[in-house]
Amino acid sequence: MRLPRPSPLPPAPPSGALANLVVLLVFFFLLTTSFGLDQIPVEVPAAPALHEAPPGAACLILERHVRAGEGESLTWRFSDGRHEPQTIPGTEGLFFEVSRIVDDDPERVFLLRIDGDVRYAVVDDVLESLRKAGARNVVFAARAGDGSGT
């Protein structure tokens, strides 16, 4: 039995090697491309050394809780510096408590211990309530950094 002679295949570059080369080039261009996000030079002010609130400072503790199915909630607690922290309803309760303290001692220090995940709009509302109530000395609680200033 005589079978027909197979015709030779035309020469073609190997497609697997070409695909690998294309993937490597894509990764190379993605890694070497810079997007101009930090091209504007900004001089940020130097922060002073950390200050501690004196004993007896009034303290606002604001915690953010996120629970599945319930969403986000904020827990507001306030201490006048002499008693344990009590739950308050929000900025309205904060205004009332701060006004009461400022009437007795206008130079009282207010320590704000606000969770880092709380939105800035809430922090702004807290500062506005303190300003309206007459608070003059406000200190933010912060973690101690590594000393590099960044």
Protein backbone atom coordinates (compact mmCIF):
# COMPACT_ATOMS: atom_id res chain seq x y z
CA MET A 1 0.00 0.00 0.00
CA ARG A 2 1.32 3.32 -1.00
CA LEU A 3 0.34 6.34 1.01
CA PRO A 4 0.64 9.82 -0.39
CA ARG A 5 3.61 11.77 0.73
CA PRO A 6 2.64 14.45 3.28
CA SER A 7 3.16 18.00 2.19
CA PRO A 8 5.63 19.97 4.28
CA LEU A 9 4.21 22.56 6.73
CA PRO A 10 5.06 26.18 6.00
CA PRO A 11 7.56 27.67 8.43
CA ALA A 12 5.96 29.80 11.22
CA PRO A 13 7.35 31.40 14.36
CA PRO A 14 6.47 29.59 17.53
CA SER A 15 3.34 31.25 18.96
CA GLY A 16 4.04 30.27 22.59
CA ALA A 17 7.34 32.12 22.63
CA LEU A 18 5.77 35.15 20.98
CA ALA A 19 2.96 35.24 23.60
CA ASN A 20 5.52 35.06 26.42
CA LEU A 21 7.47 37.94 24.88
CA VAL A 22 4.33 40.09 24.61
CA VAL A 23 3.41 39.44 28.27
CA LEU A 24 6.91 40.37 29.41
CA LEU A 25 6.81 43.59 27.39
CA VAL A 26 3.42 44.54 28.86
CA PHE A 27 4.72 44.03 32.41
CA PHE A 28 7.89 45.98 31.58
CA PHE A 29 5.95 48.98 30.24
CA LEU A 30 3.51 48.93 33.16
CA LEU A 31 6.31 48.89 35.72
CA THR A 32 8.38 51.59 34.05
CA THR A 33 5.47 53.98 33.36
CA SER A 34 5.08 56.81 35.82
CA PHE A 35 1.86 58.70 36.23
CA GLY A 36 2.19 62.36 37.21
CA LEU A 37 0.41 62.19 40.56
CA ASP A 38 3.26 63.47 42.73
CA GLN A 39 4.71 65.97 40.29
CA ILE A 40 3.49 69.04 42.21
CA PRO A 41 5.99 69.95 44.95
CA VAL A 42 4.22 70.72 48.23
CA GLU A 43 6.00 72.01 51.31
CA VAL A 44 4.20 70.58 54.32
CA PRO A 45 4.71 72.33 57.66
CA ALA A 46 6.89 70.69 60.25
CA ALA A 47 4.90 69.22 63.13
CA PRO A 48 5.81 70.19 66.68
CA ALA A 49 6.73 67.55 69.21
CA LEU A 50 3.87 65.51 70.63
CA HIS A 51 2.06 67.21 73.49
CA GLU A 52 0.34 65.35 76.25
CA ALA A 53 -2.95 66.46 77.70
CA PRO A 54 -2.60 67.43 81.37
CA PRO A 55 -4.31 65.38 84.06
CA GLY A 56 -7.94 66.38 84.41
CA ALA A 57 -8.40 67.21 80.73
CA ALA A 58 -11.85 66.61 79.32
CA CYS A 59 -11.86 63.76 76.81
CA LEU A 60 -14.00 62.88 73.80
CA ILE A 61 -13.72 59.27 72.62
CA LEU A 62 -15.18 58.64 69.17
CA GLU A 63 -15.10 55.06 67.86
CA ARG A 64 -16.23 53.74 64.48
CA HIS A 65 -17.82 50.31 64.23
CA VAL A 66 -18.63 48.50 60.98
CA ARG A 67 -20.81 45.42 61.21
CA ALA A 68 -22.00 43.23 58.36
CA GLY A 69 -25.68 43.81 57.72
CA GLU A 70 -25.90 46.82 60.04
CA GLY A 71 -23.41 49.18 58.39
CA GLU A 72 -21.41 51.90 60.08
CA SER A 73 -22.08 53.30 63.54
CA LEU A 74 -20.24 55.77 65.75
CA THR A 75 -19.92 55.51 69.53
CA TRP A 76 -19.61 58.89 71.26
CA ARG A 77 -18.30 58.97 74.84
CA PHE A 78 -17.29 62.03 76.85
CA SER A 79 -15.52 62.50 80.17
CA ASP A 80 -15.17 65.82 81.99
CA GLY A 81 -11.83 64.67 83.41
CA ARG A 82 -13.21 63.89 86.86
CA HIS A 83 -15.62 61.05 86.10
CA GLU A 84 -15.74 57.96 83.89
CA PRO A 85 -16.70 58.50 80.22
CA GLN A 86 -20.44 58.62 79.60
CA THR A 87 -22.22 57.96 76.30
CA ILE A 88 -23.48 61.11 74.58
CA PRO A 89 -25.85 61.37 71.57
CA GLY A 90 -23.42 63.11 69.18
CA THR A 91 -22.40 66.67 68.41
CA GLU A 92 -25.46 68.08 70.21
CA GLY A 93 -24.50 66.33 73.43
CA LEU A 94 -20.87 67.32 72.91
CA PHE A 95 -21.83 70.99 72.58
CA PHE A 96 -23.83 70.83 75.82
CA GLU A 97 -21.04 69.12 77.81
CA VAL A 98 -18.30 71.42 76.49
CA SER A 99 -20.41 74.55 77.17
CA ARG A 100 -20.94 73.42 80.75
CA ILE A 101 -17.21 72.86 81.29
CA VAL A 102 -16.12 76.09 79.58
CA ASP A 103 -18.46 78.09 81.82
CA ASP A 104 -16.58 76.76 84.87
CA ASP A 105 -13.04 76.72 83.40
CA PRO A 106 -12.46 78.53 80.05
CA GLU A 107 -8.86 77.27 79.82
CA ARG A 108 -9.71 73.56 80.21
CA VAL A 109 -7.93 71.27 77.75
CA PHE A 110 -10.07 68.98 75.58
CA LEU A 111 -8.46 65.74 74.40
CA LEU A 112 -9.92 64.23 71.23
CA ARG A 113 -9.41 60.48 70.88
CA ILE A 114 -10.94 59.86 67.47
CA ASP A 115 -10.66 56.56 65.62
CA GLY A 116 -8.48 56.91 62.50
CA ASP A 117 -11.23 55.45 60.29
CA VAL A 118 -13.76 58.18 61.12
CA ARG A 119 -14.59 60.37 58.13
CA TYR A 120 -13.10 63.87 58.10
CA ALA A 121 -16.57 65.44 57.89
CA VAL A 122 -17.36 64.05 61.35
CA VAL A 123 -14.07 65.39 62.74
CA ASP A 124 -14.89 68.78 61.22
CA ASP A 125 -18.31 68.73 62.92
CA VAL A 126 -16.63 67.91 66.25
CA LEU A 127 -14.21 70.83 65.89
CA GLU A 128 -17.05 73.18 64.92
CA SER A 129 -19.07 72.13 67.99
CA LEU A 130 -16.04 72.75 70.20
CA ARG A 131 -15.52 76.18 68.66
CA LYS A 132 -19.17 77.16 69.10
CA ALA A 133 -19.11 75.99 72.72
CA GLY A 134 -16.06 78.19 73.42
CA ALA A 135 -13.30 75.60 73.77
CA ARG A 136 -9.85 77.17 73.36
CA ASN A 137 -7.40 74.33 74.05
CA VAL A 138 -7.88 71.23 71.92
CA VAL A 139 -5.38 68.36 71.70
CA PHE A 140 -5.62 65.44 69.29
CA ALA A 141 -4.48 62.06 70.57
CA ALA A 142 -1.96 60.39 68.27
CA ARG A 143 0.34 57.40 68.21
CA ALA A 144 3.97 58.13 68.75
CA GLY A 145 5.81 58.10 65.45
CA ASP A 146 9.28 56.79 64.66
CA GLY A 147 10.80 60.25 65.13
CA SER A 148 11.50 60.80 61.44
CA GLY A 149 8.76 63.41 61.06
CA THR A 150 7.01 61.58 58.23
